[in-house]
Structure formats: C-alpha cells, structure tokens
Amino acid sequence: MDTVIAYRTIVQTVLHAYTSIRYAYGDIRNEAIFDERSDRYMVVSVGWQGNRRIHGCLLHIEIIDGKVWIQRDGTEEGVALELVAAGIPKQNIVLGFQSEEIRPFTEFAVK
C-alpha cells in the first residue's frame, strides 16, 4: 500500500474517533472534515454553550510531501502519539504548531 494512502487512512481513523466525544457542558459536537484531494483533515467543535456560539478547530492535520503535519492540536494528550501508535513513524510526523526553532528538540520530524 502506498505510504500516503496508508497515512491518509490512519489520520482519518484517528480523527474520526474524536467525533464521538461528548462534552459535559453545552450542546457541542465534534465534526470531522476530510479533504482527500488536498490531504487536509480537521475536527471542529460546533454548538452552543448557553447563549455563546462555539465554533473552533480542535485538530488540523495535513499530509505534505509524504509527511503528516499536525497544524493544530487542541487535545489534552496530544494526537501525535496516537498517530505513532497507529503506525506512523515519528520521523514522518511534523509538529507544525511548534516553531522551527523548537522542533529539533522534539522526538518528531523538523520538516
């Protein structure tokens, strides 16, 4: 199986699990948005907390030049380790939300 196709499947599977998370407050749900053509994958939180509208990006991942770029990670534990556990090597995951100066000190790819 082609590496990008495998990564695409893993990313979608991991992110889809976040759609079943229920919040203890408000009427908020997580929705998965997958764009395979551009290899962009997101989970957005949408709903209401009282009179306040909730709409924000929980997770944003892209596959760029054969590497998985985590552009936004709003989870408590971090999605990177879930991707590793699912089969994506650390050297093929970039923590895009970290500055280029910080990335060499992580266990993940610089770019």
Protein backbone atom coordinates (compact mmCIF):
# COMPACT_ATOMS: atom_id res chain seq x y z
CA MET A 1 0.00 0.00 0.00
CA ASP A 2 1.28 3.44 -0.88
CA THR A 3 2.59 5.33 2.17
CA VAL A 4 0.41 8.41 1.60
CA ILE A 5 -2.68 6.23 1.23
CA ALA A 6 -1.77 4.42 4.47
CA TYR A 7 -1.20 7.73 6.28
CA ARG A 8 -4.48 9.07 4.94
CA THR A 9 -6.35 6.06 6.31
CA ILE A 10 -4.63 6.29 9.71
CA VAL A 11 -5.27 10.03 10.05
CA GLN A 12 -8.94 9.63 9.16
CA THR A 13 -9.38 6.74 11.59
CA VAL A 14 -7.70 8.56 14.48
CA LEU A 15 -9.56 11.82 13.85
CA HIS A 16 -12.92 10.12 13.36
CA ALA A 17 -12.71 8.80 16.94
CA TYR A 18 -12.91 12.41 18.18
CA THR A 19 -16.40 12.78 16.70
CA SER A 20 -17.81 10.54 19.42
CA ILE A 21 -16.54 12.74 22.27
CA ARG A 22 -19.38 14.32 24.19
CA TYR A 23 -18.82 17.49 26.16
CA ALA A 24 -20.03 17.73 29.77
CA TYR A 25 -21.32 21.26 29.17
CA GLY A 26 -23.39 22.81 26.44
CA ASP A 27 -24.76 21.32 23.25
CA ILE A 28 -21.44 20.86 21.45
CA ARG A 29 -20.41 18.18 19.00
CA ASN A 30 -17.22 17.42 17.08
CA GLU A 31 -17.39 17.11 13.31
CA ALA A 32 -14.77 15.56 11.03
CA ILE A 33 -13.91 17.39 7.83
CA PHE A 34 -11.80 15.35 5.41
CA ASP A 35 -10.45 16.69 2.10
CA GLU A 36 -8.59 13.80 0.49
CA ARG A 37 -7.86 15.73 -2.69
CA SER A 38 -5.76 18.28 -0.77
CA ASP A 39 -4.89 15.91 2.10
CA ARG A 40 -6.33 18.22 4.75
CA TYR A 41 -8.13 16.78 7.75
CA MET A 42 -9.86 18.59 10.60
CA VAL A 43 -12.08 18.08 13.59
CA VAL A 44 -14.13 21.15 14.50
CA SER A 45 -16.21 21.71 17.63
CA VAL A 46 -19.61 23.21 16.86
CA GLY A 47 -22.59 24.08 19.03
CA TRP A 48 -23.84 26.26 21.85
CA GLN A 49 -22.85 26.80 25.45
CA GLY A 50 -25.79 28.73 26.84
CA ASN A 51 -26.08 31.86 24.67
CA ARG A 52 -22.49 31.55 23.41
CA ARG A 53 -21.79 30.07 19.99
CA ILE A 54 -18.96 27.55 19.92
CA HIS A 55 -17.13 27.02 16.65
CA GLY A 56 -13.45 26.16 16.62
CA CYS A 57 -10.79 23.87 15.31
CA LEU A 58 -9.84 21.04 17.67
CA LEU A 59 -7.48 19.24 15.27
CA HIS A 60 -5.96 20.13 11.90
CA ILE A 61 -3.66 17.72 10.10
CA GLU A 62 -2.21 17.84 6.59
CA ILE A 63 -0.15 15.39 4.59
CA ILE A 64 2.59 17.39 2.88
CA ASP A 65 5.38 15.80 0.82
CA GLY A 66 4.77 12.42 2.41
CA LYS A 67 4.84 13.67 6.00
CA VAL A 68 2.00 14.17 8.43
CA TRP A 69 1.90 17.79 9.63
CA ILE A 70 -0.07 18.47 12.80
CA GLN A 71 -1.06 22.12 12.31
CA ARG A 72 -3.36 22.38 15.34
CA ASP A 73 -3.76 20.09 18.32
CA GLY A 74 -6.27 21.17 20.91
CA THR A 75 -6.45 17.80 22.68
CA GLU A 76 -5.30 17.17 26.23
CA GLU A 77 -2.99 14.26 25.49
CA GLY A 78 -1.80 15.17 22.01
CA VAL A 79 -2.74 13.39 18.80
CA ALA A 80 0.87 12.74 17.70
CA LEU A 81 1.30 9.73 19.98
CA GLU A 82 -1.99 8.28 18.73
CA LEU A 83 -0.67 8.54 15.17
CA VAL A 84 2.57 6.81 16.20
CA ALA A 85 0.63 4.03 17.93
CA ALA A 86 -1.41 3.61 14.74
CA GLY A 87 1.71 3.10 12.64
CA ILE A 88 3.12 6.44 11.51
CA PRO A 89 6.83 6.75 12.44
CA LYS A 90 7.85 9.79 14.50
CA GLN A 91 10.30 10.83 11.78
CA ASN A 92 7.30 11.29 9.43
CA ILE A 93 5.28 13.48 11.81
CA VAL A 94 5.92 17.23 12.00
CA LEU A 95 4.57 19.27 14.89
CA GLY A 96 3.67 22.19 12.66
CA PHE A 97 2.22 24.15 15.58
CA GLN A 98 5.74 24.33 17.09
CA SER A 99 8.21 26.91 15.78
CA GLU A 100 11.09 25.67 13.63
CA GLU A 101 13.46 26.56 16.47
CA ILE A 102 11.67 24.20 18.88
CA ARG A 103 11.12 21.23 16.54
CA PRO A 104 14.71 19.87 16.73
CA PHE A 105 14.19 19.33 20.46
CA THR A 106 11.11 17.16 19.97
CA GLU A 107 11.17 13.48 19.09
CA PHE A 108 9.46 14.25 15.80
CA ALA A 109 10.49 15.47 12.33
CA VAL A 110 11.71 19.06 11.85
CA LYS A 111 10.13 19.37 8.40
